[in-house]
Amino acid sequence: MANASEQTEIFNLPGQSSEFAELCNALYAQQLQELSQVDSLGVNHANDIRLLRRRLASLSGHVQRTAHALLFAARELQRGGFEHELSLDIHAACWLAKQTQKPPRALTTSAQNKLAGWLERYACLALVMPVLYCHQGITQIYLDSIDEISMQEGRIHLNQWGWFDVSGTTLDSVGQDENRQLQLLKPDKATIKAACCGHRWGPSGRMQPMSLSLRTLLLTSTLVWPKFTEVRKLPF
């Protein structure tokens, strides 16, 4: 837990800065754009309105917490000397890094064995993991966090993407769809940077990056560079 001086630095400096305000504005713009694209179906219209009201009521708190977390994470990257690997664009509320020409490939047998050994050593609750997702010719990497561990059965559960065995193979029926490829990856600089930046690849190469959800942006702020074997607890 952060001491009093660290908490003062975290809340007073970013909270009162122009960077914080700019970042909040960008996050609000992203969220309102997302909410405006939610389609209402006739029979569920009343439920849609109630859900929209709940999301709007909590939006301010989520946006401000995310802004604090991103500024905190960016400062930690600078302190560790990793700002050349990943930088925060406060005007667009996104992480920036150079995108590779080709996407990461599915794990080889050797890489699967390495992942299994890595998970047996480092897997813990809330640890952020990259997930390779391929569908309709588009490849991207998502971030998710571990919320259940069953090493006796050789598997872990991610909050969004479900169960995987320790070699990275999905045990979820959706992930086993022949039209989709879903695989857990070992976190390293390349996969983490791609996931944090929303990098995507199509049949012709690199595509426009996707915007990350507030939840995913919060996950990026809990990453501990450069080994990603720990979970950073946010001091707010």
Protein backbone atom coordinates (compact mmCIF):
# COMPACT_ATOMS: atom_id res chain seq x y z
CA MET A 1 0.00 0.00 0.00
CA ALA A 2 1.24 3.50 -0.78
CA ASN A 3 2.34 5.72 2.11
CA ALA A 4 0.86 9.16 2.76
CA SER A 5 3.39 11.04 0.65
CA GLU A 6 2.87 8.68 -2.31
CA GLN A 7 -0.90 9.06 -2.04
CA THR A 8 -0.55 12.84 -1.99
CA GLU A 9 1.56 12.66 -5.14
CA ILE A 10 -0.88 10.33 -6.87
CA PHE A 11 -4.03 12.30 -6.14
CA ASN A 12 -2.85 15.88 -6.11
CA LEU A 13 -0.50 15.98 -9.06
CA PRO A 14 -2.41 14.02 -11.73
CA GLY A 15 -5.78 15.02 -10.33
CA GLN A 16 -5.06 18.71 -10.64
CA SER A 17 -3.06 18.57 -13.87
CA SER A 18 -4.05 19.48 -17.39
CA GLU A 19 -2.97 15.98 -18.40
CA PHE A 20 -5.58 14.46 -16.09
CA ALA A 21 -8.32 16.69 -17.50
CA GLU A 22 -7.28 15.95 -21.09
CA LEU A 23 -7.23 12.22 -20.41
CA CYS A 24 -10.67 12.31 -18.76
CA ASN A 25 -12.09 14.19 -21.74
CA ALA A 26 -10.70 11.60 -24.16
CA LEU A 27 -12.05 8.72 -22.06
CA TYR A 28 -15.49 10.33 -21.84
CA ALA A 29 -15.52 10.80 -25.62
CA GLN A 30 -14.68 7.14 -26.18
CA GLN A 31 -17.32 5.91 -23.76
CA LEU A 32 -20.06 8.14 -25.10
CA GLN A 33 -19.25 7.00 -28.62
CA GLU A 34 -19.53 3.39 -27.47
CA LEU A 35 -22.83 4.03 -25.71
CA SER A 36 -24.23 5.78 -28.77
CA GLN A 37 -23.63 2.66 -30.85
CA VAL A 38 -25.60 0.32 -28.59
CA ASP A 39 -28.64 -0.90 -30.53
CA SER A 40 -31.97 -1.19 -28.74
CA LEU A 41 -34.20 -4.11 -29.57
CA GLY A 42 -37.93 -3.49 -29.28
CA VAL A 43 -38.79 -6.06 -26.63
CA ASN A 44 -35.70 -5.17 -24.55
CA HIS A 45 -36.03 -1.41 -24.93
CA ALA A 46 -36.98 -0.78 -21.29
CA ASN A 47 -34.11 -2.91 -20.07
CA ASP A 48 -31.73 -1.11 -22.43
CA ILE A 49 -32.78 2.26 -21.00
CA ARG A 50 -32.25 1.06 -17.41
CA LEU A 51 -28.85 -0.35 -18.30
CA LEU A 52 -27.88 2.87 -20.06
CA ARG A 53 -28.87 4.92 -17.03
CA ARG A 54 -26.80 2.71 -14.72
CA ARG A 55 -23.77 2.98 -16.98
CA LEU A 56 -24.10 6.75 -17.23
CA ALA A 57 -24.50 7.08 -13.46
CA SER A 58 -21.24 5.24 -12.80
CA LEU A 59 -19.33 6.60 -15.79
CA SER A 60 -17.74 9.57 -14.03
CA GLY A 61 -16.19 7.45 -11.28
CA HIS A 62 -14.91 4.82 -13.71
CA VAL A 63 -13.41 7.43 -16.02
CA GLN A 64 -11.60 9.29 -13.24
CA ARG A 65 -10.24 6.10 -11.68
CA THR A 66 -9.02 4.92 -15.08
CA ALA A 67 -7.36 8.28 -15.75
CA HIS A 68 -5.58 8.16 -12.39
CA ALA A 69 -4.47 4.58 -13.07
CA LEU A 70 -3.12 5.35 -16.54
CA LEU A 71 -1.13 8.37 -15.37
CA PHE A 72 0.23 6.33 -12.47
CA ALA A 73 1.22 3.49 -14.83
CA ALA A 74 2.86 5.91 -17.29
CA ARG A 75 4.92 7.41 -14.48
CA GLU A 76 5.98 3.94 -13.34
CA LEU A 77 7.11 3.11 -16.88
CA GLN A 78 9.23 6.26 -16.90
CA ARG A 79 10.74 5.44 -13.52
CA GLY A 80 11.65 1.98 -14.74
CA GLY A 81 13.12 3.28 -18.00
CA PHE A 82 10.50 1.59 -20.18
CA GLU A 83 8.86 4.69 -21.68
CA HIS A 84 10.56 3.83 -25.01
CA GLU A 85 8.62 0.55 -25.03
CA LEU A 86 5.17 1.98 -24.35
CA SER A 87 3.92 5.57 -24.07
CA LEU A 88 0.60 7.07 -23.06
CA ASP A 89 -1.23 9.36 -25.48
CA ILE A 90 -3.36 11.52 -23.18
CA HIS A 91 -5.16 13.17 -26.10
CA ALA A 92 -6.50 9.86 -27.42
CA ALA A 93 -6.53 7.92 -24.11
CA CYS A 94 -4.50 5.05 -25.50
CA TRP A 95 -1.11 3.41 -25.28
CA LEU A 96 1.29 3.76 -28.19
CA ALA A 97 4.01 1.43 -29.44
CA LYS A 98 5.34 0.43 -32.85
CA GLN A 99 3.26 -2.31 -34.40
CA THR A 100 4.99 -5.33 -35.90
CA GLN A 101 4.38 -6.24 -39.53
CA LYS A 102 2.97 -9.64 -38.64
CA PRO A 103 0.90 -10.84 -35.68
CA PRO A 104 2.18 -13.28 -33.06
CA ARG A 105 1.82 -16.90 -34.07
CA ALA A 106 0.11 -19.68 -32.20
CA LEU A 107 2.35 -21.38 -29.66
CA THR A 108 4.59 -24.23 -30.74
CA THR A 109 4.82 -27.36 -28.59
CA SER A 110 8.03 -26.04 -27.06
CA ALA A 111 6.41 -22.67 -26.28
CA GLN A 112 3.40 -24.44 -24.76
CA ASN A 113 5.70 -26.33 -22.42
CA LYS A 114 7.41 -23.09 -21.43
CA LEU A 115 4.04 -21.47 -20.73
CA ALA A 116 3.03 -24.41 -18.53
CA GLY A 117 6.21 -24.08 -16.49
CA TRP A 118 5.79 -20.32 -16.25
CA LEU A 119 2.20 -20.61 -15.01
CA GLU A 120 3.09 -23.24 -12.45
CA ARG A 121 5.62 -20.80 -11.02
CA TYR A 122 3.91 -17.42 -11.35
CA ALA A 123 0.14 -17.90 -11.72
CA CYS A 124 -1.76 -15.92 -9.09
CA LEU A 125 -5.13 -14.26 -8.78
CA ALA A 126 -5.51 -10.98 -10.73
CA LEU A 127 -2.38 -11.65 -12.80
CA VAL A 128 -2.88 -10.19 -16.29
CA MET A 129 -2.48 -12.56 -19.23
CA PRO A 130 -2.53 -12.00 -23.01
CA VAL A 131 -4.98 -14.02 -25.12
CA LEU A 132 -4.51 -14.51 -28.87
CA TYR A 133 -7.81 -14.23 -30.74
CA CYS A 134 -8.27 -14.89 -34.47
CA HIS A 135 -11.62 -14.61 -36.23
CA GLN A 136 -12.62 -13.96 -39.84
CA GLY A 137 -9.04 -13.25 -40.85
CA ILE A 138 -8.42 -10.69 -38.09
CA THR A 139 -5.88 -11.34 -35.35
CA GLN A 140 -5.58 -9.40 -32.12
CA ILE A 141 -4.47 -9.87 -28.53
CA TYR A 142 -6.72 -9.23 -25.56
CA LEU A 143 -5.79 -8.77 -21.92
CA ASP A 144 -7.62 -10.66 -19.21
CA SER A 145 -6.95 -11.53 -15.58
CA ILE A 146 -6.79 -14.82 -13.69
CA ASP A 147 -9.69 -15.27 -11.28
CA GLU A 148 -9.41 -19.00 -10.52
CA ILE A 149 -6.49 -21.42 -10.39
CA SER A 150 -6.66 -25.21 -10.41
CA MET A 151 -3.09 -26.43 -10.84
CA GLN A 152 -4.00 -29.94 -9.68
CA GLU A 153 -6.17 -30.16 -12.78
CA GLY A 154 -3.66 -28.22 -14.87
CA ARG A 155 -5.89 -25.29 -15.70
CA ILE A 156 -6.61 -21.64 -14.94
CA HIS A 157 -9.72 -19.51 -15.42
CA LEU A 158 -9.74 -16.01 -16.88
CA ASN A 159 -12.42 -13.50 -16.00
CA GLN A 160 -13.64 -12.97 -19.57
CA TRP A 161 -12.26 -15.80 -21.69
CA GLY A 162 -12.91 -18.77 -19.41
CA TRP A 163 -10.83 -21.89 -18.79
CA PHE A 164 -7.47 -22.71 -20.36
CA ASP A 165 -5.12 -25.57 -19.68
CA VAL A 166 -1.60 -24.58 -18.65
CA SER A 167 -0.31 -25.16 -22.19
CA GLY A 168 -2.55 -22.34 -23.40
CA THR A 169 -5.34 -24.36 -25.03
CA THR A 170 -8.85 -23.09 -24.44
CA LEU A 171 -11.26 -25.42 -22.65
CA ASP A 172 -14.24 -23.20 -23.46
CA SER A 173 -16.69 -24.33 -26.13
CA VAL A 174 -16.79 -20.88 -27.77
CA GLY A 175 -13.02 -20.85 -28.12
CA GLN A 176 -13.13 -24.30 -29.71
CA ASP A 177 -15.26 -23.01 -32.60
CA GLU A 178 -13.53 -24.07 -35.83
CA ASN A 179 -13.98 -20.55 -37.19
CA ARG A 180 -12.08 -19.02 -34.27
CA GLN A 181 -8.69 -19.44 -32.71
CA LEU A 182 -8.27 -18.67 -29.02
CA GLN A 183 -5.02 -19.31 -27.19
CA LEU A 184 -3.43 -18.17 -23.96
CA LEU A 185 0.02 -16.65 -24.43
CA LYS A 186 3.00 -16.18 -22.14
CA PRO A 187 3.27 -12.47 -21.37
CA ASP A 188 6.34 -10.79 -22.84
CA LYS A 189 7.13 -7.33 -24.16
CA ALA A 190 5.87 -8.06 -27.67
CA THR A 191 2.50 -9.54 -26.71
CA ILE A 192 1.87 -7.05 -23.91
CA LYS A 193 2.64 -4.04 -26.08
CA ALA A 194 0.34 -5.33 -28.84
CA ALA A 195 -2.48 -5.93 -26.36
CA CYS A 196 -2.07 -2.58 -24.58
CA CYS A 197 -2.15 -0.72 -27.90
CA GLY A 198 -5.06 -2.65 -29.41
CA HIS A 199 -2.98 -3.75 -32.39
CA ARG A 200 -4.80 -5.76 -35.04
CA TRP A 201 -3.75 -7.59 -38.19
CA GLY A 202 -5.81 -8.62 -41.20
CA PRO A 203 -5.08 -10.59 -44.38
CA SER A 204 -3.29 -7.56 -45.86
CA GLY A 205 -1.27 -6.76 -42.75
CA ARG A 206 -1.62 -4.14 -40.06
CA MET A 207 -5.04 -2.61 -39.35
CA GLN A 208 -6.30 0.39 -37.42
CA PRO A 209 -5.90 -0.32 -33.69
CA MET A 210 -9.03 -0.94 -31.67
CA SER A 211 -10.03 1.17 -28.68
CA LEU A 212 -9.73 -0.56 -25.31
CA SER A 213 -12.51 -0.74 -22.74
CA LEU A 214 -12.12 0.99 -19.38
CA ARG A 215 -11.70 -2.42 -17.78
CA THR A 216 -8.86 -3.31 -20.11
CA LEU A 217 -7.19 0.06 -19.62
CA LEU A 218 -7.27 -0.58 -15.88
CA LEU A 219 -5.67 -3.97 -16.44
CA THR A 220 -2.81 -2.32 -18.36
CA SER A 221 -2.06 -0.21 -15.31
CA THR A 222 -1.55 -3.28 -13.09
CA LEU A 223 1.21 -4.73 -15.28
CA VAL A 224 4.68 -4.82 -13.72
CA TRP A 225 7.38 -4.42 -16.35
CA PRO A 226 9.47 -6.09 -17.67
CA LYS A 227 8.68 -9.67 -16.53
CA PHE A 228 4.92 -9.36 -15.87
CA THR A 229 5.12 -11.92 -13.06
CA GLU A 230 3.46 -9.68 -10.44
CA VAL A 231 0.29 -7.67 -10.03
CA ARG A 232 0.65 -3.97 -9.27
CA LYS A 233 -1.93 -2.92 -6.68
CA LEU A 234 -3.23 0.53 -7.49
CA PRO A 235 -2.99 2.86 -4.46
CA PHE A 236 -6.50 4.27 -4.89
